[in-house]
Amino acid sequence: MKNKHLLSFFLCGICIFTSCDSFLSKSKLVIANGNTEPHINPVNIQNEADRRIYPALFEGLVNYDAKADKILPGLAESWEYSKDFRSVTFHIRNTQWSDGTRITAQSVVNSWKYLLKPENETPYTYMLTELIKGALPLHQSRTFFEELGIKAVNESTLKITFNRPDPNAVDRMAHFAFAVLPVHRILELGDDWCKPENIVTNGPFKVKSLSPDGKLTLEKNPDYWNKDNIFISKLIFVKAETNQNLYEDYRSGKIDWIADIPGETIGIFDTNSDFTKEIDPCSQYYYINTSHPLLNDEKVRKALIYAINREDLAKTVFDLSAVPAKSVVPVTSSSKTDTLYDVTKAQALLKEAGYANGKNFPSISVYINTTNSANKKVAEFVVNEWKKNLGITVLIQEEPDWNTFLAARQGGGFDLARGGWKSEARDAASFLEQLVSTDGNNDGKYADDEFDSLLRKAALLPEGSQRNEILTEAETIAVEQAGALIPLYYTVHYNLFNSTKWEGWEENMLNVHTFTGIRKKVEN
């Protein structure tokens, strides 16, 4: 009898564990992740959809914490700054790639040296060259350069030396610009290393498949050091247009999360408890090609800036689901009273430039990508404002392919061009750094020695009023005095996440998610 009860208990236990395993195996999270082809190579990240994939596959030295708004350990278990904040020492945990290869301090050194090669330049390479001592001359392949400030002290100790004191350096390293790549795999396979069948990862998931329609399927990585806090067995990213069918798929349970819903389309969705809205630390604007024969005149640039009614833009195009921009920095601009809209001032500036009432104003165009339907509506509103308030005609040049658009903009092939910037650090400097003359994202080629000097001065200071005052002064010089770019609006990001089915998903201003702690609710 005793053995019989023992057998019953044992069989019951099997049923319990089988049920749990079965439940975990059904923990499939499906994300509608934009309408562009997914990129699984961190070097190729170009938009929010790609950035959402990155933390599922790769982990850098540190991670963002959506819930607590802080930086968490990643590959690095811990770290400490030097007393003068000119360096930081990381202690690398004992972990490995999904192919079993050990990740050491030297792995990080090799990865960042790879990212600094000129042929591997990205719009975010500047984040390494601005921060790390000796990185810029190495990136520029000079024959004479100082020692690179990345050193593997031993297998588990990594020391990073900065160009200047930086008490916020570790926060910056949560960005995908500081990704740690499997260089051993890259050396073995070359460009083929990032094909779905070849790629190895060190994040919570690894690639299972990438179908021709852009559906990316990931499965849990059993070699991930923090796998016990990953409760999703399968992660699926699908391409999707924002339309009624997408919402029906959400309502029926086929999709668990609709990410980055454009503000102008929110009317088709029920604003139920799953619907989240946050003012995004993301600034939208037009780059100005300052080398253009017409646009190198700051009077013309400022006339274009002051002729736009941004309040009407937010209301007309976005039904107030966007915030009118007072400058390029949404973090600090809340204290500004200047709305950047003054038709009288704009007309006077244009007259001073020699184009009173728009007479003899040369033909120019605004270059936009139409991968987001709002971009054309914004451009139509803005060129109408210029026609109405200044008497000038500006054409709209549309580009449906994002890669083509990006290449043309970075190459200076535009008069005016749509741009946007989101700050992971939520720091004013993050928005302003793209206007530094040597910055890789300075597509308008704005250059001002005083502005550059202020940004470098601010970089030496910790967070506080003195640093904020310097950044505000720099912002005033670049936007209000020089007209370096044309601020338009700050975005508001919307998500639909099925909180009835899932828990642990945290809405946050950065719209960054590492998938740690997200779990399916227990079914009765």
Protein backbone atom coordinates (compact mmCIF):
# COMPACT_ATOMS: atom_id res chain seq x y z
CA MET A 1 0.00 0.00 0.00
CA LYS A 2 2.83 2.35 0.91
CA ASN A 3 4.51 1.72 -2.43
CA LYS A 4 1.20 2.29 -4.19
CA HIS A 5 0.83 5.74 -2.60
CA LEU A 6 4.41 6.51 -3.45
CA LEU A 7 3.77 5.52 -7.06
CA SER A 8 0.66 7.71 -7.18
CA PHE A 9 2.63 10.69 -5.82
CA PHE A 10 5.40 10.06 -8.33
CA LEU A 11 2.94 9.88 -11.24
CA CYS A 12 1.21 13.02 -10.00
CA GLY A 13 4.56 14.77 -9.93
CA ILE A 14 5.21 13.73 -13.51
CA CYS A 15 1.86 15.24 -14.50
CA ILE A 16 2.64 18.48 -12.69
CA PHE A 17 6.06 18.88 -14.30
CA THR A 18 4.73 17.81 -17.69
CA SER A 19 2.01 20.45 -17.38
CA CYS A 20 4.57 23.13 -16.50
CA ASP A 21 6.84 22.12 -19.38
CA SER A 22 3.88 22.15 -21.72
CA PHE A 23 2.86 25.58 -20.48
CA LEU A 24 6.40 26.93 -21.00
CA SER A 25 6.55 25.40 -24.48
CA LYS A 26 3.47 27.44 -25.38
CA SER A 27 5.05 30.72 -24.21
CA LYS A 28 5.28 32.16 -27.71
CA LEU A 29 5.34 35.96 -27.92
CA VAL A 30 4.43 37.42 -31.32
CA ILE A 31 5.36 41.03 -32.10
CA ALA A 32 4.17 43.15 -35.02
CA ASN A 33 7.46 44.94 -35.52
CA GLY A 34 7.18 47.56 -38.24
CA ASN A 35 7.14 47.17 -42.00
CA THR A 36 10.82 46.95 -42.96
CA GLU A 37 13.04 43.92 -43.47
CA PRO A 38 14.50 42.79 -40.12
CA HIS A 39 18.24 43.10 -39.50
CA ILE A 40 19.91 40.63 -37.14
CA ASN A 41 23.42 42.05 -37.48
CA PRO A 42 23.87 44.85 -34.90
CA VAL A 43 26.06 46.72 -37.38
CA ASN A 44 23.02 47.14 -39.64
CA ILE A 45 20.53 48.51 -37.09
CA GLN A 46 18.73 51.42 -38.71
CA ASN A 47 15.37 51.89 -37.00
CA GLU A 48 13.24 51.12 -33.94
CA ALA A 49 12.18 47.72 -35.28
CA ASP A 50 15.81 46.59 -35.60
CA ARG A 51 16.63 48.02 -32.20
CA ARG A 52 13.85 45.91 -30.70
CA ILE A 53 15.41 42.73 -32.10
CA TYR A 54 18.92 43.53 -30.87
CA PRO A 55 18.50 42.82 -27.10
CA ALA A 56 16.81 39.52 -27.90
CA LEU A 57 19.92 38.26 -29.68
CA PHE A 58 22.87 40.17 -28.24
CA GLU A 59 24.02 41.49 -24.91
CA GLY A 60 26.65 44.13 -24.32
CA LEU A 61 28.55 44.92 -21.15
CA VAL A 62 25.45 46.47 -19.57
CA ASN A 63 21.68 46.49 -20.12
CA TYR A 64 18.82 48.94 -19.81
CA ASP A 65 16.33 48.30 -17.04
CA ALA A 66 12.91 49.41 -18.28
CA LYS A 67 11.21 49.10 -14.91
CA ALA A 68 13.67 50.88 -12.67
CA ASP A 69 15.13 53.31 -15.23
CA LYS A 70 18.73 52.35 -14.54
CA ILE A 71 21.62 50.39 -15.99
CA LEU A 72 21.94 46.70 -15.13
CA PRO A 73 24.85 44.25 -15.45
CA GLY A 74 25.12 42.34 -18.70
CA LEU A 75 28.32 40.63 -19.80
CA ALA A 76 29.93 42.65 -17.04
CA GLU A 77 29.02 41.47 -13.54
CA SER A 78 30.29 44.71 -12.01
CA TRP A 79 32.44 47.76 -12.71
CA GLU A 80 34.15 50.68 -11.03
CA TYR A 81 35.30 54.07 -12.28
CA SER A 82 38.71 55.54 -11.60
CA LYS A 83 38.69 58.46 -9.15
CA ASP A 84 39.13 60.99 -11.98
CA PHE A 85 36.42 59.33 -14.17
CA ARG A 86 38.93 58.89 -16.98
CA SER A 87 38.51 55.13 -17.09
CA VAL A 88 36.28 52.27 -16.01
CA THR A 89 37.18 48.69 -15.18
CA PHE A 90 34.65 45.94 -15.98
CA HIS A 91 34.60 42.44 -14.53
CA ILE A 92 33.36 39.99 -17.18
CA ARG A 93 31.15 37.12 -16.06
CA ASN A 94 31.81 33.50 -17.04
CA THR A 95 29.57 33.05 -20.09
CA GLN A 96 29.68 31.95 -23.72
CA TRP A 97 28.34 32.30 -27.24
CA SER A 98 25.55 30.01 -28.39
CA ASP A 99 28.16 27.85 -30.14
CA GLY A 100 29.94 27.24 -26.81
CA THR A 101 32.84 29.65 -27.37
CA ARG A 102 33.90 31.44 -24.18
CA ILE A 103 33.40 35.22 -23.99
CA THR A 104 36.35 36.99 -22.35
CA ALA A 105 37.60 40.53 -21.93
CA GLN A 106 39.62 40.00 -25.11
CA SER A 107 36.39 39.18 -26.94
CA VAL A 108 35.17 42.69 -26.19
CA VAL A 109 38.48 44.20 -27.32
CA ASN A 110 38.36 42.26 -30.58
CA SER A 111 34.75 43.23 -31.18
CA TRP A 112 35.22 46.96 -30.70
CA LYS A 113 38.38 46.97 -32.81
CA TYR A 114 36.29 45.31 -35.54
CA LEU A 115 33.61 47.99 -35.19
CA LEU A 116 36.28 50.71 -35.46
CA LYS A 117 37.56 49.50 -38.82
CA PRO A 118 36.75 52.19 -41.44
CA GLU A 119 34.96 49.68 -43.66
CA ASN A 120 32.58 48.83 -40.81
CA GLU A 121 31.52 52.41 -40.10
CA THR A 122 27.90 52.98 -39.09
CA PRO A 123 25.95 56.14 -38.15
CA TYR A 124 26.78 55.23 -34.53
CA THR A 125 30.53 54.63 -34.78
CA TYR A 126 31.02 58.14 -33.46
CA MET A 127 29.80 56.93 -30.04
CA LEU A 128 32.95 54.82 -29.76
CA THR A 129 35.31 57.37 -31.29
CA GLU A 130 34.00 60.21 -29.10
CA LEU A 131 34.31 58.16 -25.91
CA ILE A 132 37.33 55.85 -26.19
CA LYS A 133 40.87 57.14 -26.13
CA GLY A 134 42.64 56.56 -29.44
CA ALA A 135 39.51 55.26 -31.18
CA LEU A 136 39.13 58.13 -33.65
CA PRO A 137 42.64 57.99 -35.15
CA LEU A 138 42.39 54.21 -35.35
CA HIS A 139 39.05 54.50 -37.13
CA GLN A 140 40.54 57.02 -39.55
CA SER A 141 43.47 54.63 -40.21
CA ARG A 142 46.14 57.20 -39.47
CA THR A 143 49.71 55.95 -39.63
CA PHE A 144 50.41 57.69 -36.32
CA PHE A 145 47.96 57.22 -33.44
CA GLU A 146 47.96 57.02 -29.70
CA GLU A 147 47.43 53.78 -27.83
CA LEU A 148 43.87 52.51 -27.99
CA GLY A 149 42.05 52.80 -24.66
CA ILE A 150 40.62 49.26 -24.67
CA LYS A 151 42.66 46.71 -22.77
CA ALA A 152 42.06 43.15 -21.59
CA VAL A 153 43.92 43.08 -18.26
CA ASN A 154 43.18 39.35 -18.01
CA GLU A 155 40.43 36.97 -19.15
CA SER A 156 37.80 38.53 -16.92
CA THR A 157 39.00 42.12 -16.51
CA LEU A 158 38.50 44.86 -19.09
CA LYS A 159 39.74 48.45 -18.77
CA ILE A 160 38.32 51.27 -20.91
CA THR A 161 40.12 54.63 -20.96
CA PHE A 162 38.22 57.72 -22.14
CA ASN A 163 39.22 60.74 -24.20
CA ARG A 164 38.11 62.90 -21.28
CA PRO A 165 36.52 62.39 -17.85
CA ASP A 166 33.04 60.94 -18.28
CA PRO A 167 30.97 59.90 -15.24
CA ASN A 168 28.14 58.80 -17.58
CA ALA A 169 30.20 56.52 -19.82
CA VAL A 170 28.74 53.21 -18.61
CA ASP A 171 25.20 54.44 -19.32
CA ARG A 172 26.24 55.16 -22.91
CA MET A 173 27.58 51.62 -23.29
CA ALA A 174 24.08 50.14 -23.07
CA HIS A 175 23.61 51.39 -26.64
CA PHE A 176 23.91 48.90 -29.49
CA ALA A 177 26.84 50.93 -30.85
CA PHE A 178 28.85 49.10 -28.17
CA ALA A 179 27.63 45.66 -29.20
CA VAL A 180 29.90 42.68 -28.57
CA LEU A 181 30.14 40.63 -31.75
CA PRO A 182 31.35 37.03 -32.30
CA VAL A 183 34.57 38.01 -34.04
CA HIS A 184 35.72 34.37 -34.09
CA ARG A 185 32.71 33.61 -36.28
CA ILE A 186 33.26 36.68 -38.46
CA LEU A 187 36.88 35.64 -39.12
CA GLU A 188 35.69 32.18 -40.04
CA LEU A 189 32.76 33.07 -42.32
CA GLY A 190 33.23 36.70 -43.36
CA ASP A 191 30.00 38.48 -44.28
CA ASP A 192 28.12 35.18 -44.11
CA TRP A 193 28.47 35.09 -40.33
CA CYS A 194 25.14 36.86 -39.85
CA LYS A 195 23.06 34.61 -42.10
CA PRO A 196 20.28 33.00 -40.04
CA GLU A 197 21.81 29.56 -40.39
CA ASN A 198 25.28 30.77 -39.30
CA ILE A 199 24.75 33.43 -36.66
CA VAL A 200 25.74 32.82 -33.04
CA THR A 201 24.40 35.00 -30.25
CA ASN A 202 24.99 35.72 -26.58
CA GLY A 203 21.56 37.13 -25.70
CA PRO A 204 18.46 35.38 -24.35
CA PHE A 205 17.48 34.02 -27.77
CA LYS A 206 19.03 32.57 -30.89
CA VAL A 207 17.80 32.53 -34.49
CA LYS A 208 15.61 29.67 -35.57
CA SER A 209 14.54 30.98 -38.98
CA LEU A 210 14.00 34.05 -41.15
CA SER A 211 11.38 33.54 -43.86
CA PRO A 212 11.16 35.43 -47.18
CA ASP A 213 8.19 37.44 -45.92
CA GLY A 214 10.31 38.91 -43.12
CA LYS A 215 9.04 36.69 -40.31
CA LEU A 216 11.88 36.24 -37.81
CA THR A 217 11.54 33.34 -35.38
CA LEU A 218 13.80 33.13 -32.33
CA GLU A 219 14.06 30.39 -29.73
CA LYS A 220 15.35 30.50 -26.17
CA ASN A 221 19.12 30.33 -25.86
CA PRO A 222 20.01 27.58 -23.33
CA ASP A 223 23.54 29.02 -23.01
CA TYR A 224 22.40 32.47 -21.87
CA TRP A 225 23.73 33.19 -18.37
CA ASN A 226 20.39 34.63 -17.17
CA LYS A 227 18.16 32.03 -18.83
CA ASP A 228 16.29 31.33 -15.58
CA ASN A 229 14.70 34.77 -15.87
CA ILE A 230 13.65 34.28 -19.48
CA PHE A 231 10.15 32.80 -19.54
CA ILE A 232 9.48 33.04 -23.28
CA SER A 233 10.22 29.88 -25.25
CA LYS A 234 9.78 31.41 -28.69
CA LEU A 235 9.89 35.01 -29.89
CA ILE A 236 8.42 35.87 -33.29
CA PHE A 237 8.78 39.22 -35.09
CA VAL A 238 6.46 39.75 -38.04
CA LYS A 239 6.26 42.56 -40.56
CA ALA A 240 2.93 44.31 -40.45
CA GLU A 241 1.17 47.32 -41.81
CA THR A 242 -0.88 49.23 -39.26
CA ASN A 243 -4.41 48.52 -40.42
CA GLN A 244 -7.66 47.03 -39.25
CA ASN A 245 -6.56 43.46 -40.08
CA LEU A 246 -3.56 43.88 -37.77
CA TYR A 247 -5.85 44.92 -34.96
CA GLU A 248 -8.13 41.97 -35.60
CA ASP A 249 -5.10 39.67 -35.36
CA TYR A 250 -4.33 41.28 -32.01
CA ARG A 251 -7.88 40.85 -30.75
CA SER A 252 -7.96 37.21 -31.81
CA GLY A 253 -4.67 36.46 -30.02
CA LYS A 254 -2.53 35.88 -33.12
CA ILE A 255 -0.39 38.90 -32.19
CA ASP A 256 0.58 39.77 -28.62
CA TRP A 257 2.25 43.12 -29.12
CA ILE A 258 1.80 45.81 -31.76
CA ALA A 259 4.82 48.09 -31.46
CA ASP A 260 5.31 51.69 -32.53
CA ILE A 261 1.80 52.42 -33.77
CA PRO A 262 1.95 55.67 -35.81
CA GLY A 263 0.05 58.46 -34.08
CA GLU A 264 -2.10 59.26 -37.12
CA THR A 265 -3.52 55.73 -37.22
CA ILE A 266 -4.49 55.26 -33.58
CA GLY A 267 -8.15 55.89 -34.37
CA ILE A 268 -8.58 52.33 -35.63
CA PHE A 269 -7.56 50.86 -32.27
CA ASP A 270 -9.61 50.64 -29.10
CA THR A 271 -7.93 52.65 -26.35
CA ASN A 272 -8.43 49.92 -23.80
CA SER A 273 -6.27 49.05 -20.82
CA ASP A 274 -3.68 47.43 -23.12
CA PHE A 275 -3.14 50.66 -25.00
CA THR A 276 -0.12 52.65 -23.79
CA LYS A 277 0.98 56.16 -24.68
CA GLU A 278 4.21 57.91 -23.70
CA ILE A 279 5.82 61.12 -24.90
CA ASP A 280 8.88 59.75 -26.60
CA PRO A 281 12.32 61.33 -26.06
CA CYS A 282 12.50 61.50 -29.84
CA SER A 283 12.84 64.69 -31.85
CA GLN A 284 11.71 64.98 -35.48
CA TYR A 285 13.17 67.69 -37.72
CA TYR A 286 14.52 68.55 -41.14
CA TYR A 287 18.25 68.53 -41.80
CA ILE A 288 19.51 71.55 -43.73
CA ASN A 289 22.36 71.07 -46.17
CA THR A 290 24.47 73.98 -44.95
CA SER A 291 26.86 73.63 -47.90
CA HIS A 292 24.02 74.40 -50.35
CA PRO A 293 24.60 77.79 -52.11
CA LEU A 294 21.24 79.07 -50.86
CA LEU A 295 21.00 77.34 -47.50
CA ASN A 296 24.46 78.34 -46.31
CA ASP A 297 22.84 81.70 -45.49
CA GLU A 298 21.62 81.52 -41.89
CA LYS A 299 18.94 84.16 -42.64
CA VAL A 300 17.31 81.80 -45.13
CA ARG A 301 17.58 78.87 -42.73
CA LYS A 302 16.00 80.82 -39.87
CA ALA A 303 13.23 82.14 -42.14
CA LEU A 304 12.28 78.54 -42.90
CA ILE A 305 12.29 77.72 -39.18
CA TYR A 306 10.13 80.65 -38.02
CA ALA A 307 7.53 80.25 -40.79
CA ILE A 308 6.08 76.96 -39.48
CA ASN A 309 3.13 76.83 -37.07
CA ARG A 310 4.00 73.69 -35.13
CA GLU A 311 0.87 73.83 -32.99
CA ASP A 312 -1.22 73.52 -36.17
CA LEU A 313 1.13 70.79 -37.42
CA ALA A 314 0.48 68.67 -34.33
CA LYS A 315 -3.26 69.29 -34.52
CA THR A 316 -3.73 68.90 -38.28
CA VAL A 317 -1.45 65.96 -39.02
CA PHE A 318 -1.44 64.06 -35.73
CA ASP A 319 -4.67 65.14 -34.05
CA LEU A 320 -2.53 66.32 -31.12
CA SER A 321 -0.82 62.93 -30.77
CA ALA A 322 2.51 64.69 -31.31
CA VAL A 323 4.09 67.49 -29.27
CA PRO A 324 5.09 70.73 -31.07
CA ALA A 325 8.87 71.16 -30.97
CA LYS A 326 10.37 74.24 -29.37
CA SER A 327 13.87 73.11 -30.25
CA VAL A 328 15.76 69.95 -31.12
CA VAL A 329 16.02 68.78 -27.48
CA PRO A 330 12.74 67.56 -25.95
CA VAL A 331 14.44 67.00 -22.58
CA THR A 332 15.33 70.63 -21.89
CA SER A 333 12.98 72.52 -24.18
CA SER A 334 10.06 72.38 -21.72
CA SER A 335 11.55 75.47 -20.08
CA LYS A 336 11.52 77.42 -23.35
CA THR A 337 8.79 79.94 -24.11
CA ASP A 338 9.82 80.57 -27.72
CA THR A 339 7.57 78.50 -29.99
CA LEU A 340 9.84 79.09 -33.02
CA TYR A 341 6.82 80.49 -34.90
CA ASP A 342 6.95 84.14 -35.92
CA VAL A 343 5.78 84.95 -39.45
CA THR A 344 6.80 88.61 -39.24
CA LYS A 345 10.31 87.63 -38.19
CA ALA A 346 10.49 84.95 -40.89
CA GLN A 347 9.45 87.39 -43.62
CA ALA A 348 11.96 89.99 -42.44
CA LEU A 349 14.78 87.43 -42.45
CA LEU A 350 13.92 86.33 -45.99
CA LYS A 351 13.83 89.95 -47.14
CA GLU A 352 17.26 90.57 -45.58
CA ALA A 353 18.54 87.56 -47.50
CA GLY A 354 17.37 89.19 -50.75
CA TYR A 355 14.15 87.28 -51.39
CA ALA A 356 11.36 89.63 -50.28
CA ASN A 357 7.97 87.91 -50.54
CA GLY A 358 9.75 84.92 -52.03
CA LYS A 359 10.71 86.73 -55.25
CA ASN A 360 13.53 85.01 -57.17
CA PHE A 361 13.83 82.34 -54.48
CA PRO A 362 15.67 79.39 -56.09
CA SER A 363 14.04 75.98 -56.39
CA ILE A 364 14.75 73.60 -53.50
CA SER A 365 13.18 70.35 -52.27
CA VAL A 366 12.61 68.49 -49.04
CA TYR A 367 13.68 64.85 -49.22
CA ILE A 368 11.56 62.40 -47.24
CA ASN A 369 11.29 58.65 -46.77
CA THR A 370 7.76 57.32 -47.17
CA THR A 371 8.27 54.17 -45.11
CA ASN A 372 6.18 56.06 -42.56
CA SER A 373 2.99 57.54 -44.00
CA ALA A 374 3.14 60.52 -41.63
CA ASN A 375 6.28 61.86 -43.28
CA LYS A 376 4.46 62.90 -46.45
CA LYS A 377 1.62 64.54 -44.51
CA VAL A 378 4.14 66.50 -42.46
CA ALA A 379 6.02 67.58 -45.60
CA GLU A 380 2.81 68.68 -47.30
CA PHE A 381 1.86 70.75 -44.26
CA VAL A 382 5.30 72.35 -43.98
CA VAL A 383 5.71 73.29 -47.67
CA ASN A 384 2.22 74.81 -47.56
CA GLU A 385 3.30 76.91 -44.55
CA TRP A 386 6.32 78.15 -46.51
CA LYS A 387 4.16 78.96 -49.52
CA LYS A 388 1.55 80.78 -47.41
CA ASN A 389 3.90 82.66 -45.08
CA LEU A 390 6.97 83.26 -47.25
CA GLY A 391 5.69 83.02 -50.82
CA ILE A 392 8.20 80.31 -51.76
CA THR A 393 7.68 76.96 -53.43
CA VAL A 394 9.48 73.94 -52.04
CA LEU A 395 9.10 70.59 -53.75
CA ILE A 396 8.70 67.23 -52.02
CA GLN A 397 11.04 64.45 -53.10
CA GLU A 398 9.80 61.04 -51.96
CA GLU A 399 11.88 57.90 -51.46
CA PRO A 400 10.06 54.64 -50.59
CA ASP A 401 13.23 52.67 -49.84
CA TRP A 402 14.77 53.40 -46.45
CA ASN A 403 18.30 52.27 -47.35
CA THR A 404 18.36 54.44 -50.47
CA PHE A 405 17.06 57.40 -48.51
CA LEU A 406 19.62 56.95 -45.74
CA ALA A 407 22.54 56.65 -48.16
CA ALA A 408 21.50 59.80 -50.03
CA ARG A 409 21.04 61.79 -46.84
CA GLN A 410 24.35 60.69 -45.37
CA GLY A 411 26.04 61.48 -48.67
CA GLY A 412 24.72 65.04 -48.70
CA GLY A 413 22.44 64.45 -51.69
CA PHE A 414 19.65 66.77 -50.52
CA ASP A 415 18.60 70.36 -49.89
CA LEU A 416 16.38 69.64 -46.89
CA ALA A 417 15.87 66.10 -45.55
CA ARG A 418 13.74 64.44 -42.90
CA GLY A 419 15.54 63.32 -39.78
CA GLY A 420 14.85 62.13 -36.27
CA TRP A 421 16.79 61.38 -33.11
CA LYS A 422 15.96 59.34 -30.04
CA SER A 423 18.10 59.55 -26.93
CA GLU A 424 18.72 56.35 -25.02
CA ALA A 425 20.43 58.38 -22.33
CA ARG A 426 17.64 60.99 -22.20
CA ASP A 427 20.36 63.58 -22.03
CA ALA A 428 20.38 66.88 -23.92
CA ALA A 429 23.91 66.17 -25.15
CA SER A 430 22.66 63.08 -26.95
CA PHE A 431 20.50 65.28 -29.20
CA LEU A 432 23.09 67.98 -29.69
CA GLU A 433 26.13 65.81 -30.40
CA GLN A 434 24.88 65.16 -33.95
CA LEU A 435 25.55 68.84 -34.68
CA VAL A 436 29.22 68.62 -33.69
CA SER A 437 31.30 69.24 -36.81
CA THR A 438 33.10 65.88 -36.58
CA ASP A 439 30.04 63.78 -35.72
CA GLY A 440 29.10 60.94 -38.07
CA ASN A 441 25.40 61.82 -37.87
CA ASN A 442 25.89 65.46 -38.81
CA ASP A 443 24.23 65.01 -42.19
CA GLY A 444 23.65 68.76 -42.65
CA LYS A 445 27.39 69.44 -42.12
CA TYR A 446 26.76 72.24 -39.63
CA ALA A 447 30.05 73.48 -38.16
CA ASP A 448 30.62 76.02 -35.41
CA ASP A 449 33.74 76.17 -33.22
CA GLU A 450 31.95 77.74 -30.25
CA PHE A 451 29.22 75.08 -30.35
CA ASP A 452 31.81 72.28 -30.55
CA SER A 453 33.72 73.79 -27.63
CA LEU A 454 30.60 73.95 -25.45
CA LEU A 455 29.75 70.31 -26.13
CA ARG A 456 33.28 69.25 -25.21
CA LYS A 457 33.13 71.36 -22.06
CA ALA A 458 29.82 69.79 -21.04
CA ALA A 459 31.28 66.32 -21.58
CA LEU A 460 33.75 67.00 -18.76
CA LEU A 461 31.04 67.77 -16.23
CA PRO A 462 28.76 65.47 -14.23
CA GLU A 463 24.98 65.86 -14.32
CA GLY A 464 23.89 69.12 -12.75
CA SER A 465 22.90 72.73 -13.29
CA GLN A 466 26.27 73.86 -14.64
CA ARG A 467 26.27 71.19 -17.33
CA ASN A 468 22.64 71.91 -18.24
CA GLU A 469 23.34 75.64 -18.60
CA ILE A 470 26.20 74.93 -21.02
CA LEU A 471 24.05 72.59 -23.11
CA THR A 472 21.20 75.11 -23.22
CA GLU A 473 23.65 77.76 -24.44
CA ALA A 474 24.91 75.38 -27.13
CA GLU A 475 21.37 74.58 -28.20
CA THR A 476 20.54 78.30 -28.51
CA ILE A 477 23.61 78.90 -30.68
CA ALA A 478 22.88 76.03 -33.04
CA VAL A 479 19.11 76.30 -33.47
CA GLU A 480 17.93 79.82 -32.63
CA GLN A 481 21.01 81.75 -33.77
CA ALA A 482 22.39 79.63 -36.62
CA GLY A 483 19.34 77.69 -37.77
CA ALA A 484 21.34 74.46 -38.01
CA LEU A 485 18.21 72.36 -38.53
CA ILE A 486 14.42 72.77 -38.54
CA PRO A 487 12.69 71.37 -35.43
CA LEU A 488 9.20 70.02 -36.10
CA TYR A 489 7.71 67.86 -33.35
CA TYR A 490 8.39 65.27 -30.67
CA THR A 491 6.86 61.88 -31.22
CA VAL A 492 4.51 60.00 -28.96
CA HIS A 493 4.89 56.24 -29.07
CA TYR A 494 1.96 53.90 -28.79
CA ASN A 495 1.91 50.17 -28.11
CA LEU A 496 -0.75 47.54 -27.74
CA PHE A 497 0.44 44.80 -25.41
CA ASN A 498 -1.79 41.93 -24.28
CA SER A 499 -1.57 42.37 -20.51
CA THR A 500 -4.42 39.91 -20.07
CA LYS A 501 -2.23 37.13 -21.42
CA TRP A 502 1.23 38.37 -20.36
CA GLU A 503 2.88 40.09 -17.41
CA GLY A 504 6.26 41.68 -16.76
CA TRP A 505 6.21 44.01 -19.76
CA GLU A 506 7.12 47.55 -18.69
CA GLU A 507 6.21 50.65 -20.64
CA ASN A 508 9.04 53.19 -20.56
CA MET A 509 10.06 56.43 -22.24
CA LEU A 510 12.88 54.79 -24.16
CA ASN A 511 10.56 52.07 -25.46
CA VAL A 512 13.40 49.60 -24.75
CA HIS A 513 12.70 46.00 -23.73
CA THR A 514 15.18 43.24 -22.90
CA PHE A 515 12.50 40.48 -22.60
CA THR A 516 13.78 39.56 -19.14
CA GLY A 517 10.91 38.85 -16.76
CA ILE A 518 8.14 38.88 -19.38
CA ARG A 519 6.04 35.80 -18.77
CA LYS A 520 2.77 34.25 -19.80
CA LYS A 521 0.14 34.35 -17.10
CA VAL A 522 -0.74 30.95 -15.62
CA GLU A 523 -3.78 29.44 -17.26
CA ASN A 524 -6.41 27.90 -15.01
